[in-house]
N, C-alpha and C. Protein backbone atom coordinates (compact mmCIF):
# COMPACT_ATOMS: atom_id res chain seq x y z
N MET A 1 146.98 -5.62 213.26
CA MET A 1 145.67 -4.83 214.29
C MET A 1 145.68 -5.83 215.36
N LEU A 2 145.80 -5.00 216.31
CA LEU A 2 145.72 -5.41 217.35
C LEU A 2 144.17 -5.34 218.23
N VAL A 3 143.35 -6.22 218.14
CA VAL A 3 142.05 -6.39 218.83
C VAL A 3 141.85 -6.27 220.29
N LYS A 4 141.29 -5.51 221.22
CA LYS A 4 141.44 -5.72 222.25
C LYS A 4 139.95 -5.19 222.75
N HIS A 5 139.33 -6.48 223.43
CA HIS A 5 137.84 -6.26 223.95
C HIS A 5 137.95 -5.56 224.94
N ILE A 6 136.78 -5.27 225.54
CA ILE A 6 136.45 -4.39 226.98
C ILE A 6 137.01 -5.34 228.34
N GLU A 7 136.47 -6.60 227.82
CA GLU A 7 136.51 -7.39 229.06
C GLU A 7 137.81 -8.01 229.28
N ASP A 8 138.89 -7.55 228.14
CA ASP A 8 140.55 -7.96 228.50
C ASP A 8 141.12 -6.40 228.95
N ALA A 9 140.74 -5.05 228.85
CA ALA A 9 140.90 -4.29 229.10
C ALA A 9 141.50 -4.62 230.79
N LYS A 10 142.64 -4.21 231.03
CA LYS A 10 143.66 -4.01 232.41
C LYS A 10 143.50 -2.93 233.31
N PRO A 11 142.81 -3.12 234.45
CA PRO A 11 142.51 -1.52 235.60
C PRO A 11 144.10 -1.28 235.62
N TYR A 12 144.22 -0.02 235.80
CA TYR A 12 145.40 0.70 236.81
C TYR A 12 145.33 1.62 237.38
N ASP A 13 146.20 1.61 238.10
CA ASP A 13 146.28 3.00 239.35
C ASP A 13 146.76 4.10 238.88
N ALA A 14 146.34 5.04 238.73
CA ALA A 14 146.96 6.37 238.24
C ALA A 14 147.46 7.24 239.77
N VAL A 15 148.67 7.81 239.34
CA VAL A 15 148.96 8.41 240.19
C VAL A 15 148.29 9.76 240.80
N ASN A 16 148.32 10.16 242.09
CA ASN A 16 147.39 11.65 242.55
C ASN A 16 145.93 11.59 242.06
N HIS A 17 145.44 10.81 241.61
CA HIS A 17 143.94 10.47 241.17
C HIS A 17 143.11 10.05 242.34
N ARG A 18 141.92 9.87 242.60
CA ARG A 18 141.14 9.77 243.61
C ARG A 18 139.92 10.16 243.02
N GLY A 19 138.77 8.56 243.65
CA GLY A 19 137.56 8.65 243.09
C GLY A 19 137.52 8.20 242.21
N ASN A 20 138.73 7.14 241.57
CA ASN A 20 138.63 6.58 239.81
C ASN A 20 138.70 5.23 239.88
N TYR A 21 138.43 4.57 238.48
CA TYR A 21 138.65 3.69 238.52
C TYR A 21 138.95 3.53 236.65
N GLY A 22 140.30 3.34 236.81
CA GLY A 22 141.02 3.24 235.39
C GLY A 22 141.04 2.14 234.31
N LEU A 23 140.68 1.88 233.30
CA LEU A 23 141.08 0.83 232.70
C LEU A 23 142.09 1.25 231.01
N ARG A 24 143.18 0.41 231.00
CA ARG A 24 143.95 0.39 229.66
C ARG A 24 143.43 -0.02 228.69
N LEU A 25 143.06 0.69 227.72
CA LEU A 25 142.31 -0.12 226.94
C LEU A 25 143.20 -0.46 225.54
N GLN A 26 144.07 0.00 225.12
CA GLN A 26 145.35 -0.08 224.13
C GLN A 26 146.79 0.50 225.12
N GLY A 27 147.77 -0.29 224.71
CA GLY A 27 149.15 -0.13 225.28
C GLY A 27 149.95 -0.57 226.01
N PHE A 28 151.20 -0.66 225.56
CA PHE A 28 152.02 -1.78 226.84
C PHE A 28 152.17 -2.78 226.66
N GLU A 29 151.25 -3.13 225.09
CA GLU A 29 151.39 -4.63 225.13
C GLU A 29 152.01 -4.88 223.33
N PRO A 30 152.65 -5.88 223.11
CA PRO A 30 153.11 -6.19 221.64
C PRO A 30 151.91 -6.33 220.91
N GLY A 31 152.30 -5.76 219.73
CA GLY A 31 151.29 -5.49 219.01
C GLY A 31 150.52 -4.10 218.92
N GLY A 32 150.66 -3.62 220.27
CA GLY A 32 150.04 -2.46 220.48
C GLY A 32 150.23 -0.88 219.78
N PRO A 33 149.85 0.35 220.48
CA PRO A 33 150.39 1.44 219.71
C PRO A 33 152.17 1.62 219.82
N THR A 34 152.35 2.39 218.84
CA THR A 34 154.25 2.58 219.18
C THR A 34 154.00 3.85 220.16
N ASN A 35 153.34 5.00 220.02
CA ASN A 35 153.38 6.09 220.63
C ASN A 35 152.92 6.72 220.98
N GLN A 36 151.66 5.85 222.19
CA GLN A 36 151.10 6.27 222.84
C GLN A 36 150.10 5.13 223.79
N TRP A 37 149.37 5.34 224.80
CA TRP A 37 148.65 4.56 225.17
C TRP A 37 147.16 5.27 225.17
N VAL A 38 146.11 4.49 225.66
CA VAL A 38 144.90 5.16 225.66
C VAL A 38 144.07 4.60 227.25
N GLY A 39 143.35 5.31 227.87
CA GLY A 39 142.96 4.71 228.87
C GLY A 39 141.48 5.42 229.23
N LEU A 40 140.69 4.50 229.93
CA LEU A 40 139.27 4.87 230.11
C LEU A 40 139.25 5.35 231.63
N SER A 41 138.44 6.28 231.81
CA SER A 41 138.56 6.51 233.31
C SER A 41 137.22 6.97 233.50
N HIS A 42 136.65 6.71 234.76
CA HIS A 42 135.64 6.45 235.20
C HIS A 42 135.57 7.48 236.55
N PHE A 43 135.26 8.62 236.61
CA PHE A 43 135.27 9.45 238.14
C PHE A 43 134.08 9.07 238.76
N LEU A 44 133.75 8.95 240.07
CA LEU A 44 132.85 9.14 241.31
C LEU A 44 132.47 10.70 240.99
N PRO A 45 131.33 11.04 241.46
CA PRO A 45 131.14 12.50 242.14
C PRO A 45 132.27 12.92 242.95
N GLY A 46 132.94 13.82 242.86
CA GLY A 46 133.84 14.42 243.56
C GLY A 46 134.95 13.58 243.19
N GLY A 47 135.24 12.63 242.56
CA GLY A 47 136.43 12.42 242.14
C GLY A 47 137.45 13.57 241.13
N GLY A 48 138.47 13.03 241.20
CA GLY A 48 139.61 13.49 240.13
C GLY A 48 141.30 13.73 240.27
N ALA A 49 141.65 14.75 239.98
CA ALA A 49 142.82 14.04 239.70
C ALA A 49 143.65 15.46 240.14
N GLY A 50 145.28 15.45 240.73
CA GLY A 50 145.91 16.86 240.78
C GLY A 50 145.57 17.66 242.21
N PRO A 51 146.10 18.70 241.94
CA PRO A 51 146.90 19.48 240.77
C PRO A 51 148.31 18.95 240.54
N ASP A 52 148.88 18.85 239.50
CA ASP A 52 149.99 18.09 238.93
C ASP A 52 149.97 18.26 237.60
N SER A 53 151.46 18.12 237.03
CA SER A 53 151.77 18.16 235.49
C SER A 53 152.08 17.05 235.30
N THR A 54 152.43 16.65 234.22
CA THR A 54 153.39 15.31 233.66
C THR A 54 154.57 16.37 232.47
N PRO A 55 155.84 15.95 231.87
CA PRO A 55 156.31 16.35 231.31
C PRO A 55 155.99 16.55 229.67
N PHE A 56 154.90 15.65 229.54
CA PHE A 56 154.29 15.42 228.17
C PHE A 56 152.70 15.69 228.08
N GLU A 57 152.24 15.77 226.74
CA GLU A 57 150.91 16.29 226.86
C GLU A 57 149.91 14.80 227.07
N LYS A 58 148.35 15.23 227.09
CA LYS A 58 147.24 14.65 227.23
C LYS A 58 146.81 15.10 226.94
N VAL A 59 145.20 13.94 226.25
CA VAL A 59 144.39 14.63 225.43
C VAL A 59 142.99 13.97 226.29
N TYR A 60 142.48 14.64 226.58
CA TYR A 60 140.74 14.00 227.56
C TYR A 60 139.82 14.27 226.50
N VAL A 61 138.83 13.14 226.61
CA VAL A 61 137.55 13.27 225.84
C VAL A 61 136.23 12.86 226.92
N VAL A 62 135.51 13.57 227.28
CA VAL A 62 134.49 13.39 228.04
C VAL A 62 133.42 12.33 227.14
N LEU A 63 133.38 10.92 227.35
CA LEU A 63 132.48 10.23 226.86
C LEU A 63 130.90 10.59 227.43
N GLU A 64 130.94 10.49 228.94
CA GLU A 64 129.63 10.66 229.62
C GLU A 64 129.94 11.36 230.78
N GLY A 65 128.90 12.25 231.33
CA GLY A 65 128.98 12.74 232.37
C GLY A 65 129.48 14.48 232.03
N GLU A 66 130.34 14.86 233.14
CA GLU A 66 131.24 15.94 232.94
C GLU A 66 132.05 16.11 234.21
N MET A 67 133.34 17.14 233.16
CA MET A 67 134.57 17.35 234.30
C MET A 67 134.61 18.52 233.99
N THR A 68 135.52 19.38 235.18
CA THR A 68 135.63 20.57 235.56
C THR A 68 137.58 20.47 235.23
N VAL A 69 138.45 21.36 234.42
CA VAL A 69 139.37 21.20 234.10
C VAL A 69 140.00 22.38 234.83
N ILE A 70 140.58 22.58 235.85
CA ILE A 70 141.15 23.55 236.31
C ILE A 70 142.93 23.93 235.70
N VAL A 71 143.18 24.98 235.15
CA VAL A 71 144.40 25.30 234.36
C VAL A 71 144.77 26.80 234.76
N ASP A 72 145.83 27.56 235.41
CA ASP A 72 145.98 28.51 235.94
C ASP A 72 144.83 29.34 236.25
N GLY A 73 144.28 28.72 237.42
CA GLY A 73 142.76 29.04 237.83
C GLY A 73 141.61 29.35 237.05
N LYS A 74 142.01 29.06 235.84
CA LYS A 74 140.58 29.47 234.81
C LYS A 74 139.85 27.83 235.08
N GLU A 75 138.79 27.69 235.29
CA GLU A 75 138.11 26.44 235.40
C GLU A 75 137.13 26.31 233.89
N THR A 76 137.14 25.32 233.59
CA THR A 76 136.13 25.02 232.02
C THR A 76 135.42 23.54 232.51
N VAL A 77 134.36 23.66 232.06
CA VAL A 77 133.88 22.01 232.52
C VAL A 77 133.39 21.47 230.96
N LEU A 78 133.99 20.15 230.91
CA LEU A 78 133.76 19.65 229.63
C LEU A 78 132.40 18.68 229.59
N LYS A 79 131.85 18.54 228.59
CA LYS A 79 130.49 17.52 228.97
C LYS A 79 130.93 16.78 227.90
N LYS A 80 130.13 16.02 227.36
CA LYS A 80 129.58 14.74 226.69
C LYS A 80 130.07 15.21 225.43
N LEU A 81 131.68 14.64 224.93
CA LEU A 81 132.34 14.32 223.36
C LEU A 81 133.09 16.24 223.41
N ASP A 82 132.64 16.59 224.31
CA ASP A 82 133.96 17.85 224.91
C ASP A 82 135.22 16.94 225.10
N SER A 83 136.67 17.79 224.56
CA SER A 83 137.50 17.02 224.81
C SER A 83 138.61 18.67 224.76
N CYS A 84 140.19 17.97 225.59
CA CYS A 84 141.00 19.29 225.93
C CYS A 84 142.40 18.42 225.63
N THR A 85 143.03 19.17 224.71
CA THR A 85 144.50 18.87 225.33
C THR A 85 145.08 19.68 226.53
N ILE A 86 146.11 19.09 227.15
CA ILE A 86 146.86 19.46 228.33
C ILE A 86 148.15 19.06 227.72
N VAL A 87 148.89 20.44 227.90
CA VAL A 87 150.32 20.47 227.32
C VAL A 87 151.39 20.10 227.92
N ALA A 88 152.34 19.52 227.96
CA ALA A 88 153.70 19.51 228.65
C ALA A 88 153.48 20.62 230.08
N ASN A 89 153.92 19.99 231.04
CA ASN A 89 154.29 20.64 232.24
C ASN A 89 153.26 21.46 232.50
N GLU A 90 151.92 21.37 232.13
CA GLU A 90 150.69 22.38 232.41
C GLU A 90 150.46 22.09 233.60
N VAL A 91 150.61 22.60 234.68
CA VAL A 91 149.61 22.35 236.19
C VAL A 91 148.17 22.55 235.86
N ARG A 92 147.28 21.10 235.98
CA ARG A 92 146.26 20.68 235.68
C ARG A 92 145.62 20.19 236.90
N GLU A 93 144.24 21.04 237.29
CA GLU A 93 143.54 19.85 238.35
C GLU A 93 142.28 19.43 237.65
N ILE A 94 141.67 18.11 237.96
CA ILE A 94 140.28 17.82 237.16
C ILE A 94 138.88 17.55 238.42
N ILE A 95 138.24 17.87 238.11
CA ILE A 95 137.20 17.44 239.29
C ILE A 95 135.73 17.01 238.92
N ASN A 96 135.30 16.19 239.37
CA ASN A 96 133.90 16.24 238.88
C ASN A 96 132.82 16.54 239.77
N ARG A 97 132.59 17.62 239.31
CA ARG A 97 131.36 18.17 240.46
C ARG A 97 130.11 18.13 240.25
N SER A 98 129.87 17.13 239.73
CA SER A 98 128.32 16.61 239.09
C SER A 98 128.51 15.44 240.40
N HIS A 99 126.92 15.19 239.79
CA HIS A 99 126.50 13.74 241.11
C HIS A 99 125.93 12.65 239.98
N GLU A 100 126.74 12.97 238.94
CA GLU A 100 127.04 11.36 237.96
C GLU A 100 128.51 10.83 238.02
N VAL A 101 128.23 9.83 237.72
CA VAL A 101 129.98 9.37 236.94
C VAL A 101 130.65 10.50 235.40
N CYS A 102 131.81 10.08 235.70
CA CYS A 102 132.10 10.89 234.46
C CYS A 102 133.14 9.43 233.94
N SER A 103 133.08 9.69 232.73
CA SER A 103 133.98 8.67 231.74
C SER A 103 134.20 9.41 230.50
N MET A 104 135.88 9.46 230.85
CA MET A 104 136.62 9.79 229.78
C MET A 104 137.64 8.94 229.20
N LEU A 105 137.74 9.29 228.27
CA LEU A 105 138.90 8.81 227.35
C LEU A 105 140.43 9.23 227.66
N VAL A 106 141.10 8.92 227.71
CA VAL A 106 142.59 9.25 227.75
C VAL A 106 143.48 9.17 227.10
N VAL A 107 144.21 9.99 226.06
CA VAL A 107 145.30 9.57 225.07
C VAL A 107 146.63 10.23 226.01
N ILE A 108 147.54 9.28 225.79
CA ILE A 108 148.94 9.39 226.73
C ILE A 108 150.33 9.18 226.05
N PRO A 109 150.78 10.11 225.62
CA PRO A 109 151.96 9.35 225.15
C PRO A 109 152.73 8.35 226.11
N TYR A 110 153.73 7.20 226.03
CA TYR A 110 154.93 6.76 226.41
C TYR A 110 155.56 7.51 227.31
N PRO A 111 156.18 7.14 228.70
CA PRO A 111 156.91 7.68 229.24
C PRO A 111 158.53 7.64 228.62
N PRO A 112 159.04 9.08 228.66
CA PRO A 112 160.53 9.07 228.26
C PRO A 112 161.30 7.52 228.16
N GLY A 113 161.60 7.17 227.57
CA GLY A 113 162.52 5.64 227.71
C GLY A 113 162.01 4.51 227.42
N HIS A 114 160.53 4.56 227.48
CA HIS A 114 159.52 3.24 227.06
C HIS A 114 159.78 2.77 225.48
N LYS A 115 159.97 0.99 225.65
CA LYS A 115 159.93 0.83 224.24
C LYS A 115 159.26 -0.21 224.38
N PRO A 116 157.96 0.16 223.37
CA PRO A 116 156.84 -0.87 223.55
C PRO A 116 157.50 -2.46 222.73
């Protein structure tokens, strides 16, 4: 078992993200998960990501606040404890349109070729 306390989580910069602060909770370390990594992202009002896509799926879980997810022109607002799966190669944009910080748990497979 690998226990990682929040004070030991390392910040990371996510490509094509704005107005956010990300922490890697699990992943990319010896003894950690072998299939995916888990991040905690805090998005300021107006912050977000995309539009873009990745060659792998990802899962978002809103812990606090709300996040608008846009796929194929359709907007869905995720609120506390709502979640969604973004499938591989699906173009998505996320925007925090509220006036509060949105905190999301993000679960993403390792990139192809990564060896934990």
